[in-house]
Amino acid sequence: MAWQRCFTLTRTHVRAGGALPETAGELVVQGEDLGAWVVAQRQGWDKLTPAQQWLPGSTLGLEPAGPAERPAKLTADGKWALNLHAARQFHDREGHLRPARKHVERLDVDGEAVDIKLGTFVDNTRRRADKLTPERRTELDQLGMRW
């Protein structure tokens, strides 16, 4: 239903003479971020059903994102570094590392805002503490991690 709603809102906008949004936040209609929807369709083209590829392709001129437009996949070490950066930023600001379970920490990564689910990261890390390397455990200990 959500996919169909965003498709219909985007098609209506384009048929009314509007340009197809190219970035997230560029066009929000009835609470739906149509720019984010377009980006998601282009980047996740291979995951769409044939009908979901045909409809936006034939009516909106939407095409799959090229290899250069697709975001690079983060490695496990890259994800750890990003989460640790968020933890350090939170600790520097708050003086502790006890975020609420649903806390989201916003980072500036290369001039782009990235939201990190820090509360989830801390909770999951605590539950899986026995699987952490000594180096990673030490990094969190330095921030006052409660195990």
C-alpha atoms as a PDB file:
ATOM      1  CA  MET A   1       0.000   0.000   0.000  1.00  0.00           C
ATOM      2  CA  ALA A   2       2.769   2.459   0.902  1.00  0.00           C
ATOM      3  CA  TRP A   3       4.541   1.783  -2.396  1.00  0.00           C
ATOM      4  CA  GLN A   4       1.337   2.329  -4.376  1.00  0.00           C
ATOM      5  CA  ARG A   5       0.574   5.529  -2.466  1.00  0.00           C
ATOM      6  CA  CYS A   6       3.998   7.007  -3.173  1.00  0.00           C
ATOM      7  CA  PHE A   7       3.839   5.924  -6.812  1.00  0.00           C
ATOM      8  CA  THR A   8       0.405   7.540  -7.256  1.00  0.00           C
ATOM      9  CA  LEU A   9       1.481  10.779  -5.551  1.00  0.00           C
ATOM     10  CA  THR A  10       4.631  10.935  -7.685  1.00  0.00           C
ATOM     11  CA  ARG A  11       2.723  10.210 -10.901  1.00  0.00           C
ATOM     12  CA  THR A  12       0.136  12.888 -10.059  1.00  0.00           C
ATOM     13  CA  HIS A  13       2.906  15.412  -9.399  1.00  0.00           C
ATOM     14  CA  VAL A  14       4.674  14.625 -12.691  1.00  0.00           C
ATOM     15  CA  ARG A  15       1.428  14.668 -14.711  1.00  0.00           C
ATOM     16  CA  ALA A  16       0.658  18.113 -13.255  1.00  0.00           C
ATOM     17  CA  GLY A  17       3.907  19.360 -14.776  1.00  0.00           C
ATOM     18  CA  GLY A  18       6.206  18.892 -11.800  1.00  0.00           C
ATOM     19  CA  ALA A  19       9.716  17.548 -12.135  1.00  0.00           C
ATOM     20  CA  LEU A  20      10.589  14.089 -10.878  1.00  0.00           C
ATOM     21  CA  PRO A  21      12.365  14.620  -7.517  1.00  0.00           C
ATOM     22  CA  GLU A  22      15.972  13.456  -7.462  1.00  0.00           C
ATOM     23  CA  THR A  23      16.940  13.670  -3.789  1.00  0.00           C
ATOM     24  CA  ALA A  24      15.405  12.884  -0.431  1.00  0.00           C
ATOM     25  CA  GLY A  25      13.565  15.809   1.095  1.00  0.00           C
ATOM     26  CA  GLU A  26      13.164  17.571  -2.253  1.00  0.00           C
ATOM     27  CA  LEU A  27       9.412  16.937  -2.486  1.00  0.00           C
ATOM     28  CA  VAL A  28       7.093  15.999   0.369  1.00  0.00           C
ATOM     29  CA  VAL A  29       3.408  15.519  -0.468  1.00  0.00           C
ATOM     30  CA  GLN A  30       0.789  14.504   2.092  1.00  0.00           C
ATOM     31  CA  GLY A  31       3.547  13.517   4.503  1.00  0.00           C
ATOM     32  CA  GLU A  32       5.321  11.268   1.978  1.00  0.00           C
ATOM     33  CA  ASP A  33       8.895  12.080   0.987  1.00  0.00           C
ATOM     34  CA  LEU A  34       8.627  11.422  -2.726  1.00  0.00           C
ATOM     35  CA  GLY A  35      12.269  12.279  -3.324  1.00  0.00           C
ATOM     36  CA  ALA A  36      13.332   9.558  -0.882  1.00  0.00           C
ATOM     37  CA  TRP A  37      10.880   7.157  -2.548  1.00  0.00           C
ATOM     38  CA  VAL A  38      12.334   7.839  -6.012  1.00  0.00           C
ATOM     39  CA  VAL A  39      15.896   7.373  -4.742  1.00  0.00           C
ATOM     40  CA  ALA A  40      14.918   4.104  -3.010  1.00  0.00           C
ATOM     41  CA  GLN A  41      13.260   2.770  -6.182  1.00  0.00           C
ATOM     42  CA  ARG A  42      16.290   3.581  -8.316  1.00  0.00           C
ATOM     43  CA  GLN A  43      18.798   2.126  -5.857  1.00  0.00           C
ATOM     44  CA  GLY A  44      16.705  -0.934  -5.022  1.00  0.00           C
ATOM     45  CA  TRP A  45      15.559  -1.618  -8.600  1.00  0.00           C
ATOM     46  CA  ASP A  46      16.618  -5.274  -8.504  1.00  0.00           C
ATOM     47  CA  LYS A  47      14.428  -5.892  -5.457  1.00  0.00           C
ATOM     48  CA  LEU A  48      11.269  -4.551  -7.117  1.00  0.00           C
ATOM     49  CA  THR A  49       8.706  -6.860  -8.682  1.00  0.00           C
ATOM     50  CA  PRO A  50       8.412  -6.719 -12.484  1.00  0.00           C
ATOM     51  CA  ALA A  51       5.224  -4.637 -12.151  1.00  0.00           C
ATOM     52  CA  GLN A  52       6.978  -2.242  -9.745  1.00  0.00           C
ATOM     53  CA  GLN A  53       9.747  -1.812 -12.311  1.00  0.00           C
ATOM     54  CA  TRP A  54       7.385  -1.377 -15.246  1.00  0.00           C
ATOM     55  CA  LEU A  55       5.001   1.192 -13.712  1.00  0.00           C
ATOM     56  CA  PRO A  56       7.529   3.887 -12.739  1.00  0.00           C
ATOM     57  CA  GLY A  57       9.632   3.077 -15.783  1.00  0.00           C
ATOM     58  CA  SER A  58       6.813   3.511 -18.282  1.00  0.00           C
ATOM     59  CA  THR A  59       4.920   6.375 -16.629  1.00  0.00           C
ATOM     60  CA  LEU A  60       7.655   8.343 -14.858  1.00  0.00           C
ATOM     61  CA  GLY A  61      10.712   7.501 -16.935  1.00  0.00           C
ATOM     62  CA  LEU A  62      12.376   6.099 -13.829  1.00  0.00           C
ATOM     63  CA  GLU A  63      15.460   3.958 -14.429  1.00  0.00           C
ATOM     64  CA  PRO A  64      17.699   1.934 -12.135  1.00  0.00           C
ATOM     65  CA  ALA A  65      20.607   3.749 -10.530  1.00  0.00           C
ATOM     66  CA  GLY A  66      23.946   3.247 -12.210  1.00  0.00           C
ATOM     67  CA  PRO A  67      26.838   1.646 -10.326  1.00  0.00           C
ATOM     68  CA  ALA A  68      28.357   5.053  -9.534  1.00  0.00           C
ATOM     69  CA  GLU A  69      25.078   6.245  -7.966  1.00  0.00           C
ATOM     70  CA  ARG A  70      24.653   3.299  -5.611  1.00  0.00           C
ATOM     71  CA  PRO A  71      25.951   3.787  -2.100  1.00  0.00           C
ATOM     72  CA  ALA A  72      28.933   1.694  -1.138  1.00  0.00           C
ATOM     73  CA  LYS A  73      28.206  -1.123   1.291  1.00  0.00           C
ATOM     74  CA  LEU A  74      29.798  -0.685   4.677  1.00  0.00           C
ATOM     75  CA  THR A  75      31.988  -3.461   5.980  1.00  0.00           C
ATOM     76  CA  ALA A  76      31.526  -4.772   9.512  1.00  0.00           C
ATOM     77  CA  ASP A  77      34.575  -2.735  10.569  1.00  0.00           C
ATOM     78  CA  GLY A  78      33.118   0.343   8.878  1.00  0.00           C
ATOM     79  CA  LYS A  79      29.821  -0.084  10.737  1.00  0.00           C
ATOM     80  CA  TRP A  80      31.675  -0.519  14.011  1.00  0.00           C
ATOM     81  CA  ALA A  81      33.686   2.651  13.384  1.00  0.00           C
ATOM     82  CA  LEU A  82      30.532   4.628  12.604  1.00  0.00           C
ATOM     83  CA  ASN A  83      28.739   3.346  15.720  1.00  0.00           C
ATOM     84  CA  LEU A  84      31.803   4.028  17.870  1.00  0.00           C
ATOM     85  CA  HIS A  85      32.019   7.556  16.480  1.00  0.00           C
ATOM     86  CA  ALA A  86      28.360   8.087  17.453  1.00  0.00           C
ATOM     87  CA  ALA A  87      29.053   6.672  20.917  1.00  0.00           C
ATOM     88  CA  ARG A  88      32.005   9.022  21.393  1.00  0.00           C
ATOM     89  CA  GLN A  89      29.977  12.016  20.235  1.00  0.00           C
ATOM     90  CA  PHE A  90      27.158  11.109  22.647  1.00  0.00           C
ATOM     91  CA  HIS A  91      29.624  10.548  25.514  1.00  0.00           C
ATOM     92  CA  ASP A  92      31.383  13.868  24.872  1.00  0.00           C
ATOM     93  CA  ARG A  93      28.065  15.715  24.943  1.00  0.00           C
ATOM     94  CA  GLU A  94      26.257  13.844  27.750  1.00  0.00           C
ATOM     95  CA  GLY A  95      29.147  12.630  29.916  1.00  0.00           C
ATOM     96  CA  HIS A  96      27.930   9.014  29.919  1.00  0.00           C
ATOM     97  CA  LEU A  97      27.121   6.171  27.546  1.00  0.00           C
ATOM     98  CA  ARG A  98      23.585   5.309  28.597  1.00  0.00           C
ATOM     99  CA  PRO A  99      21.396   6.380  25.675  1.00  0.00           C
ATOM    100  CA  ALA A 100      17.715   5.470  25.669  1.00  0.00           C
ATOM    101  CA  ARG A 101      16.946   2.304  23.691  1.00  0.00           C
ATOM    102  CA  LYS A 102      15.371   4.344  20.875  1.00  0.00           C
ATOM    103  CA  HIS A 103      17.981   7.133  20.857  1.00  0.00           C
ATOM    104  CA  VAL A 104      19.235   8.161  17.416  1.00  0.00           C
ATOM    105  CA  GLU A 105      22.514  10.048  17.180  1.00  0.00           C
ATOM    106  CA  ARG A 106      23.035  12.271  14.142  1.00  0.00           C
ATOM    107  CA  LEU A 107      26.563  12.364  12.736  1.00  0.00           C
ATOM    108  CA  ASP A 108      28.111  14.559  10.078  1.00  0.00           C
ATOM    109  CA  VAL A 109      29.955  12.207   7.721  1.00  0.00           C
ATOM    110  CA  ASP A 110      31.703  13.947   4.844  1.00  0.00           C
ATOM    111  CA  GLY A 111      29.205  16.804   4.969  1.00  0.00           C
ATOM    112  CA  GLU A 112      26.196  14.484   4.979  1.00  0.00           C
ATOM    113  CA  ALA A 113      23.927  13.840   7.973  1.00  0.00           C
ATOM    114  CA  VAL A 114      23.818  10.177   8.997  1.00  0.00           C
ATOM    115  CA  ASP A 115      21.454   8.870  11.684  1.00  0.00           C
ATOM    116  CA  ILE A 116      22.875   6.127  13.917  1.00  0.00           C
ATOM    117  CA  LYS A 117      20.563   4.083  16.139  1.00  0.00           C
ATOM    118  CA  LEU A 118      22.918   4.426  19.078  1.00  0.00           C
ATOM    119  CA  GLY A 119      20.533   3.071  21.712  1.00  0.00           C
ATOM    120  CA  THR A 120      20.056  -0.119  19.715  1.00  0.00           C
ATOM    121  CA  PHE A 121      23.795  -0.426  19.108  1.00  0.00           C
ATOM    122  CA  VAL A 122      24.640  -0.067  22.813  1.00  0.00           C
ATOM    123  CA  ASP A 123      21.908  -2.507  23.862  1.00  0.00           C
ATOM    124  CA  ASN A 124      22.880  -5.125  21.273  1.00  0.00           C
ATOM    125  CA  THR A 125      26.581  -4.740  22.025  1.00  0.00           C
ATOM    126  CA  ARG A 126      25.905  -5.224  25.717  1.00  0.00           C
ATOM    127  CA  ARG A 127      23.971  -8.428  24.992  1.00  0.00           C
ATOM    128  CA  ARG A 128      26.766  -9.760  22.779  1.00  0.00           C
ATOM    129  CA  ALA A 129      29.676  -8.633  24.945  1.00  0.00           C
ATOM    130  CA  ASP A 130      31.169 -12.123  25.031  1.00  0.00           C
ATOM    131  CA  LYS A 131      31.681 -11.980  21.238  1.00  0.00           C
ATOM    132  CA  LEU A 132      33.583  -8.666  21.210  1.00  0.00           C
ATOM    133  CA  THR A 133      37.285  -8.514  20.555  1.00  0.00           C
ATOM    134  CA  PRO A 134      39.363  -7.208  23.459  1.00  0.00           C
ATOM    135  CA  GLU A 135      40.166  -4.061  21.426  1.00  0.00           C
ATOM    136  CA  ARG A 136      36.495  -3.238  20.870  1.00  0.00           C
ATOM    137  CA  ARG A 137      35.649  -3.905  24.486  1.00  0.00           C
ATOM    138  CA  THR A 138      38.467  -1.569  25.561  1.00  0.00           C
ATOM    139  CA  GLU A 139      37.182   1.169  23.228  1.00  0.00           C
ATOM    140  CA  LEU A 140      33.773   0.997  24.906  1.00  0.00           C
ATOM    141  CA  ASP A 141      35.255   0.718  28.397  1.00  0.00           C
ATOM    142  CA  GLN A 142      37.008   4.040  27.779  1.00  0.00           C
ATOM    143  CA  LEU A 143      33.543   5.579  27.291  1.00  0.00           C
ATOM    144  CA  GLY A 144      32.247   4.120  30.543  1.00  0.00           C
ATOM    145  CA  MET A 145      30.163   1.349  28.995  1.00  0.00           C
ATOM    146  CA  ARG A 146      27.957  -0.438  31.557  1.00  0.00           C
ATOM    147  CA  TRP A 147      28.177  -4.154  30.887  1.00  0.00           C
END
